Amino acid sequence: GTDGFFTIIHEIGHALGLEHPHETSDGDQIVGFKDNYEYTIMSYNESKLNPGVFPRTPQILDVAAIQYLYGVNNNTRSGDDIYSWEDNENFMQTIWDTGGNDTISAAKQSNEVTIDLAAGYANIGLNNKTYKPARSNLQIPVNVIIENIKGGQGDDTLIGNNIDNRLEGNGGNDTLEGNGGNDFIDGGEGEDTAIFSDAPQNYDYEVIDNNQIKIIHARGSESVQTDILINIENLNFLDTNLTVHTLTAQKFYQATNQQGKVADLLKHNSGSIFQQIIDFLVTYLVRLMVHLAVLIVVLVH
């Protein structure tokens, strides 16, 4: 991450055949917003999103160019790897990982982070020049698969990819989205929200206990996807929001462990279950008063 180390990997890039992105000798240029350190170590321009930060690895365009010239190394980091940084560490890098069950961990971070495995980027740490959160300082090439994410103590946004992910929010009020696959989503502490991109009628649910819920996505003929949620307080479906408390109250009211349909629950507003309970109590009290009145009449006569 220092200027000196950056200069070394920049010159190694030249030795491997990479040119400066602004050079026009062969008619090829990288112009506009990609001509900076965020995308390539061969640039002369610092990242506008992360000013003053030098990359500690070849960046995403460098990886693509080197692989185009020499082929893909499929043996690098083929085991179970954990990528982690110190709290508010100032860095910029690209991950190349070829296998295993891997984790991007922000567990040491005190400020909020955004990690998007589907889009291939993350905002982790703090820029020590602007004292603002880093932006897109971690890049993940399209053919690199990371399975798991751990959040930190801030209000994090964690988004998985289309395989089976494990998302852990840890502290803070986190937003977590599995984004495909059979995912395990643990909000941890705080008021956490799980995001689902489809309409509620395409989901079934099963309340395992008051802290754990199974959400089943069974749309049309597509393969069934099942997410296990733990320590989640809110569920956001397409155009519809629901609290987990509502689901557990529904289970209590129906006194059943049978699988339910999210859409059935959403036919009424989130307060309908409590309204049903109130209606039940009112009906019970009215009947009790009638019985008491009859009893009084009998006793008087």
Protein backbone atom coordinates (compact mmCIF):
# COMPACT_ATOMS: atom_id res chain seq x y z
CA GLY A 1 0.00 0.00 0.00
CA THR A 2 3.00 2.36 -0.07
CA ASP A 3 4.24 4.46 -2.99
CA GLY A 4 7.44 2.40 -3.17
CA PHE A 5 5.70 -0.97 -3.33
CA PHE A 6 3.23 0.42 -5.86
CA THR A 7 6.16 1.53 -8.07
CA ILE A 8 7.60 -2.01 -7.97
CA ILE A 9 4.37 -3.70 -9.10
CA HIS A 10 3.87 -0.94 -11.72
CA GLU A 11 7.29 -1.72 -13.23
CA ILE A 12 6.63 -5.48 -13.07
CA GLY A 13 3.49 -4.71 -15.09
CA HIS A 14 5.71 -3.15 -17.78
CA ALA A 15 7.99 -6.22 -17.70
CA LEU A 16 4.93 -8.39 -18.36
CA GLY A 17 3.96 -6.27 -21.36
CA LEU A 18 1.46 -3.78 -19.92
CA GLU A 19 1.52 -0.15 -21.06
CA HIS A 20 0.26 3.05 -19.51
CA PRO A 21 -3.47 3.36 -20.17
CA HIS A 22 -3.08 6.87 -21.61
CA GLU A 23 -0.48 5.90 -24.24
CA THR A 24 -1.62 6.03 -27.87
CA SER A 25 1.35 4.46 -29.70
CA ASP A 26 -0.65 1.39 -30.77
CA GLY A 27 -4.05 3.07 -30.87
CA ASP A 28 -5.31 1.46 -27.65
CA GLN A 29 -6.25 3.66 -24.72
CA ILE A 30 -8.18 3.48 -21.50
CA VAL A 31 -9.93 6.78 -21.26
CA GLY A 32 -12.31 8.40 -18.84
CA PHE A 33 -13.09 7.21 -15.34
CA LYS A 34 -11.15 3.90 -15.66
CA ASP A 35 -7.76 5.59 -16.12
CA ASN A 36 -6.86 5.56 -12.41
CA TYR A 37 -5.44 3.34 -9.67
CA GLU A 38 -8.83 1.87 -8.83
CA TYR A 39 -8.78 -0.06 -12.13
CA THR A 40 -5.09 -0.38 -13.08
CA ILE A 41 -1.65 -0.05 -11.49
CA MET A 42 -0.38 1.23 -14.85
CA SER A 43 -2.23 4.54 -14.53
CA TYR A 44 -0.66 7.84 -13.47
CA ASN A 45 -3.90 8.98 -11.83
CA GLU A 46 -5.04 8.37 -8.27
CA SER A 47 -8.51 7.05 -7.64
CA LYS A 48 -11.14 9.77 -7.38
CA LEU A 49 -13.09 7.57 -4.99
CA ASN A 50 -10.05 6.81 -2.83
CA PRO A 51 -7.64 9.74 -3.21
CA GLY A 52 -4.13 9.28 -1.86
CA VAL A 53 -4.37 5.47 -1.73
CA PHE A 54 -1.91 3.27 -3.64
CA PRO A 55 -2.99 -0.24 -4.70
CA ARG A 56 -1.28 -3.15 -2.98
CA THR A 57 -2.06 -5.59 -5.85
CA PRO A 58 -2.51 -5.54 -9.61
CA GLN A 59 -6.00 -4.19 -10.17
CA ILE A 60 -8.98 -5.63 -11.99
CA LEU A 61 -7.96 -4.50 -15.52
CA ASP A 62 -4.38 -5.62 -14.92
CA VAL A 63 -5.58 -9.10 -13.91
CA ALA A 64 -7.69 -9.33 -17.07
CA ALA A 65 -4.81 -8.17 -19.32
CA ILE A 66 -2.21 -10.49 -17.77
CA GLN A 67 -4.59 -13.45 -18.01
CA TYR A 68 -5.27 -12.57 -21.65
CA LEU A 69 -1.54 -12.62 -22.39
CA TYR A 70 -0.43 -15.61 -20.32
CA GLY A 71 -3.54 -17.59 -19.36
CA VAL A 72 -5.33 -18.04 -16.05
CA ASN A 73 -3.61 -19.38 -12.93
CA ASN A 74 -6.16 -21.72 -11.35
CA ASN A 75 -3.96 -22.75 -8.42
CA THR A 76 -3.73 -19.46 -6.51
CA ARG A 77 -5.50 -19.49 -3.14
CA SER A 78 -7.38 -22.70 -3.84
CA GLY A 79 -8.02 -23.37 -0.13
CA ASP A 80 -10.40 -21.82 2.41
CA ASP A 81 -9.20 -18.22 2.68
CA ILE A 82 -10.27 -15.34 4.92
CA TYR A 83 -9.73 -11.78 3.70
CA SER A 84 -9.64 -9.37 6.62
CA TRP A 85 -8.30 -5.90 7.44
CA GLU A 86 -7.61 -3.90 10.57
CA ASP A 87 -10.21 -1.42 11.75
CA ASN A 88 -10.42 1.50 9.29
CA GLU A 89 -7.37 0.25 7.40
CA ASN A 90 -6.50 2.39 4.39
CA PHE A 91 -6.15 0.08 1.38
CA MET A 92 -7.06 -0.70 -2.23
CA GLN A 93 -6.70 -4.14 -3.79
CA THR A 94 -8.13 -6.83 -6.07
CA ILE A 95 -8.71 -10.43 -4.96
CA TRP A 96 -7.70 -13.35 -7.15
CA ASP A 97 -8.93 -16.61 -5.59
CA THR A 98 -9.47 -19.90 -7.45
CA GLY A 99 -11.25 -22.20 -5.00
CA GLY A 100 -12.17 -23.26 -1.49
CA ASN A 101 -14.79 -21.86 0.84
CA ASP A 102 -13.76 -18.24 1.23
CA THR A 103 -14.79 -15.34 3.45
CA ILE A 104 -14.55 -11.58 3.23
CA SER A 105 -14.51 -10.48 6.84
CA ALA A 106 -15.14 -6.97 8.13
CA ALA A 107 -15.39 -8.26 11.70
CA LYS A 108 -12.70 -5.84 12.89
CA GLN A 109 -14.41 -2.78 11.40
CA SER A 110 -16.15 -0.27 13.65
CA ASN A 111 -17.69 1.78 10.81
CA GLU A 112 -20.29 0.59 8.33
CA VAL A 113 -19.20 -1.45 5.32
CA THR A 114 -20.81 -2.46 2.02
CA ILE A 115 -19.85 -5.82 0.53
CA ASP A 116 -21.50 -6.92 -2.71
CA LEU A 117 -20.33 -10.32 -3.96
CA ALA A 118 -22.66 -10.16 -6.96
CA ALA A 119 -21.38 -6.81 -8.22
CA GLY A 120 -17.80 -7.66 -7.28
CA TYR A 121 -16.83 -4.79 -5.00
CA ALA A 122 -16.68 -3.72 -1.37
CA ASN A 123 -16.34 -0.55 0.68
CA ILE A 124 -14.23 -1.42 3.72
CA GLY A 125 -12.18 0.89 5.92
CA LEU A 126 -11.56 4.60 5.97
CA ASN A 127 -9.69 6.92 3.62
CA ASN A 128 -6.96 8.55 5.72
CA LYS A 129 -6.85 11.58 3.42
CA THR A 130 -10.54 12.49 3.40
CA TYR A 131 -11.48 10.72 6.67
CA LYS A 132 -14.51 9.35 4.87
CA PRO A 133 -15.46 5.70 4.31
CA ALA A 134 -13.56 4.00 1.49
CA ARG A 135 -15.47 3.43 -1.74
CA SER A 136 -15.03 0.45 -4.08
CA ASN A 137 -11.57 -0.13 -2.62
CA LEU A 138 -11.89 -3.92 -2.86
CA GLN A 139 -12.49 -5.43 -6.31
CA ILE A 140 -13.55 -9.02 -7.08
CA PRO A 141 -13.13 -10.21 -10.72
CA VAL A 142 -16.18 -11.75 -12.32
CA ASN A 143 -14.72 -15.28 -12.31
CA VAL A 144 -13.74 -15.23 -8.63
CA ILE A 145 -16.27 -16.83 -6.27
CA ILE A 146 -16.40 -15.79 -2.61
CA GLU A 147 -18.89 -17.71 -0.50
CA ASN A 148 -19.19 -15.90 2.83
CA ILE A 149 -19.34 -12.41 4.35
CA LYS A 150 -18.89 -11.22 7.91
CA GLY A 151 -19.92 -7.69 8.78
CA GLY A 152 -18.58 -5.46 11.54
CA GLN A 153 -20.04 -3.24 14.23
CA GLY A 154 -21.60 -0.64 11.92
CA ASP A 155 -24.84 -0.59 9.94
CA ASP A 156 -23.59 -2.83 7.13
CA THR A 157 -24.99 -3.79 3.74
CA LEU A 158 -24.11 -7.37 2.82
CA ILE A 159 -25.14 -8.85 -0.56
CA GLY A 160 -24.42 -12.40 -1.67
CA ASN A 161 -24.11 -13.92 -5.13
CA ASN A 162 -26.00 -16.71 -6.91
CA ILE A 163 -24.41 -19.57 -4.96
CA ASP A 164 -24.98 -20.73 -1.37
CA ASN A 165 -23.75 -17.92 0.89
CA ARG A 166 -23.35 -17.41 4.60
CA LEU A 167 -23.95 -13.78 5.59
CA GLU A 168 -23.29 -12.63 9.17
CA GLY A 169 -24.12 -9.07 10.15
CA ASN A 170 -22.54 -9.06 13.63
CA GLY A 171 -23.25 -5.67 15.31
CA GLY A 172 -25.27 -2.74 13.99
CA ASN A 173 -28.54 -2.47 12.11
CA ASP A 174 -27.62 -4.45 9.02
CA THR A 175 -29.24 -5.07 5.64
CA LEU A 176 -28.58 -8.55 4.23
CA GLU A 177 -29.57 -10.03 0.87
CA GLY A 178 -28.82 -13.61 -0.18
CA ASN A 179 -29.39 -12.82 -3.87
CA GLY A 180 -29.85 -16.44 -5.00
CA GLY A 181 -28.78 -19.86 -3.76
CA ASN A 182 -29.60 -21.50 -0.44
CA ASP A 183 -28.31 -18.96 2.04
CA PHE A 184 -27.78 -18.79 5.78
CA ILE A 185 -28.41 -15.24 6.97
CA ASP A 186 -27.56 -14.23 10.52
CA GLY A 187 -28.27 -10.62 11.42
CA GLY A 188 -26.45 -10.78 14.76
CA GLU A 189 -27.09 -7.89 17.13
CA GLY A 190 -29.19 -4.85 16.25
CA GLU A 191 -32.33 -4.30 14.17
CA ASP A 192 -31.54 -6.26 11.01
CA THR A 193 -33.37 -6.59 7.71
CA ALA A 194 -33.35 -9.40 5.14
CA ILE A 195 -34.06 -8.38 1.54
CA PHE A 196 -35.98 -10.52 -0.97
CA SER A 197 -36.27 -9.34 -4.56
CA ASP A 198 -39.45 -11.15 -5.57
CA ALA A 199 -43.14 -10.63 -4.81
CA PRO A 200 -44.40 -12.20 -1.55
CA GLN A 201 -46.73 -14.65 -3.28
CA ASN A 202 -43.67 -16.49 -4.57
CA TYR A 203 -42.44 -17.36 -1.07
CA ASP A 204 -43.45 -19.87 1.57
CA TYR A 205 -42.28 -19.63 5.15
CA GLU A 206 -41.83 -21.85 8.16
CA VAL A 207 -41.22 -20.54 11.65
CA ILE A 208 -38.69 -22.91 13.20
CA ASP A 209 -38.59 -21.01 16.49
CA ASN A 210 -38.90 -17.41 17.63
CA ASN A 211 -35.37 -16.68 16.46
CA GLN A 212 -35.12 -18.74 13.28
CA ILE A 213 -37.24 -18.73 10.12
CA LYS A 214 -37.07 -20.66 6.87
CA ILE A 215 -38.03 -18.72 3.72
CA ILE A 216 -38.66 -20.83 0.63
CA HIS A 217 -38.59 -19.26 -2.82
CA ALA A 218 -40.55 -21.48 -5.21
CA ARG A 219 -41.36 -19.36 -8.25
CA GLY A 220 -42.86 -21.23 -11.22
CA SER A 221 -40.71 -24.06 -12.52
CA GLU A 222 -37.44 -22.69 -11.17
CA SER A 223 -35.50 -24.71 -8.62
CA VAL A 224 -36.53 -24.15 -5.03
CA GLN A 225 -34.23 -21.89 -3.01
CA THR A 226 -34.33 -21.95 0.76
CA ASP A 227 -32.88 -19.32 3.08
CA ILE A 228 -32.45 -19.85 6.81
CA LEU A 229 -32.77 -16.60 8.79
CA ILE A 230 -31.62 -16.09 12.34
CA ASN A 231 -31.55 -12.87 14.39
CA ILE A 232 -33.52 -11.04 11.68
CA GLU A 233 -36.18 -8.54 12.72
CA ASN A 234 -37.55 -7.32 9.37
CA LEU A 235 -38.35 -8.86 5.98
CA ASN A 236 -38.49 -6.68 2.87
CA PHE A 237 -40.19 -8.27 -0.14
CA LEU A 238 -40.92 -6.59 -3.45
CA ASP A 239 -43.05 -3.57 -2.50
CA THR A 240 -43.97 -5.18 0.82
CA ASN A 241 -42.37 -5.05 4.26
CA LEU A 242 -43.06 -7.38 7.15
CA THR A 243 -41.72 -7.87 10.65
CA VAL A 244 -40.55 -11.25 11.88
CA HIS A 245 -42.63 -10.61 15.00
CA THR A 246 -45.68 -10.79 12.75
CA LEU A 247 -44.70 -14.25 11.52
CA THR A 248 -44.11 -15.58 15.02
CA ALA A 249 -47.39 -14.06 16.21
CA GLN A 250 -49.15 -15.74 13.29
CA LYS A 251 -47.70 -19.07 14.35
CA PHE A 252 -48.82 -18.49 17.94
CA TYR A 253 -52.33 -17.51 16.89
CA GLN A 254 -52.79 -20.50 14.58
CA ALA A 255 -51.11 -22.85 17.09
CA THR A 256 -49.51 -24.80 14.26
CA ASN A 257 -46.05 -25.60 12.88
CA GLN A 258 -47.34 -26.04 9.36
CA GLN A 259 -45.70 -24.17 6.50
CA GLY A 260 -47.51 -20.95 5.61
CA LYS A 261 -47.66 -18.71 2.57
CA VAL A 262 -46.19 -15.25 2.95
CA ALA A 263 -48.83 -13.86 0.60
CA ASP A 264 -51.62 -15.25 2.79
CA LEU A 265 -50.24 -13.39 5.74
CA LEU A 266 -49.94 -10.23 3.68
CA LYS A 267 -53.60 -10.21 2.64
CA HIS A 268 -54.05 -8.13 5.77
CA ASN A 269 -51.77 -5.47 7.14
CA SER A 270 -49.09 -6.36 9.66
CA GLY A 271 -51.41 -5.46 12.51
CA SER A 272 -54.19 -7.84 11.42
CA ILE A 273 -53.00 -10.68 13.63
CA PHE A 274 -53.19 -8.52 16.71
CA GLN A 275 -56.57 -7.25 15.54
CA GLN A 276 -57.75 -10.86 15.32
CA ILE A 277 -56.55 -11.48 18.85
CA ILE A 278 -58.34 -8.33 20.07
CA ASP A 279 -61.52 -9.39 18.23
CA PHE A 280 -61.26 -12.79 19.89
CA LEU A 281 -60.90 -11.25 23.35
CA VAL A 282 -63.80 -8.83 22.75
CA THR A 283 -66.03 -11.70 21.59
CA TYR A 284 -65.02 -13.74 24.64
CA LEU A 285 -65.81 -10.85 27.00
CA VAL A 286 -69.20 -10.21 25.37
CA ARG A 287 -70.13 -13.87 25.76
CA LEU A 288 -68.97 -13.83 29.37
CA MET A 289 -71.13 -10.77 30.09
CA VAL A 290 -74.16 -12.44 28.51
CA HIS A 291 -73.66 -15.53 30.64
CA LEU A 292 -73.32 -13.38 33.76
CA ALA A 293 -76.50 -11.49 32.90
CA VAL A 294 -78.41 -14.76 32.47
CA LEU A 295 -77.02 -16.02 35.76
CA ILE A 296 -78.12 -12.83 37.57
CA VAL A 297 -81.63 -13.09 36.12
CA VAL A 298 -81.89 -16.72 37.26
CA LEU A 299 -80.67 -15.86 40.77
CA VAL A 300 -83.06 -12.91 41.11
CA HIS A 301 -86.06 -14.99 40.11
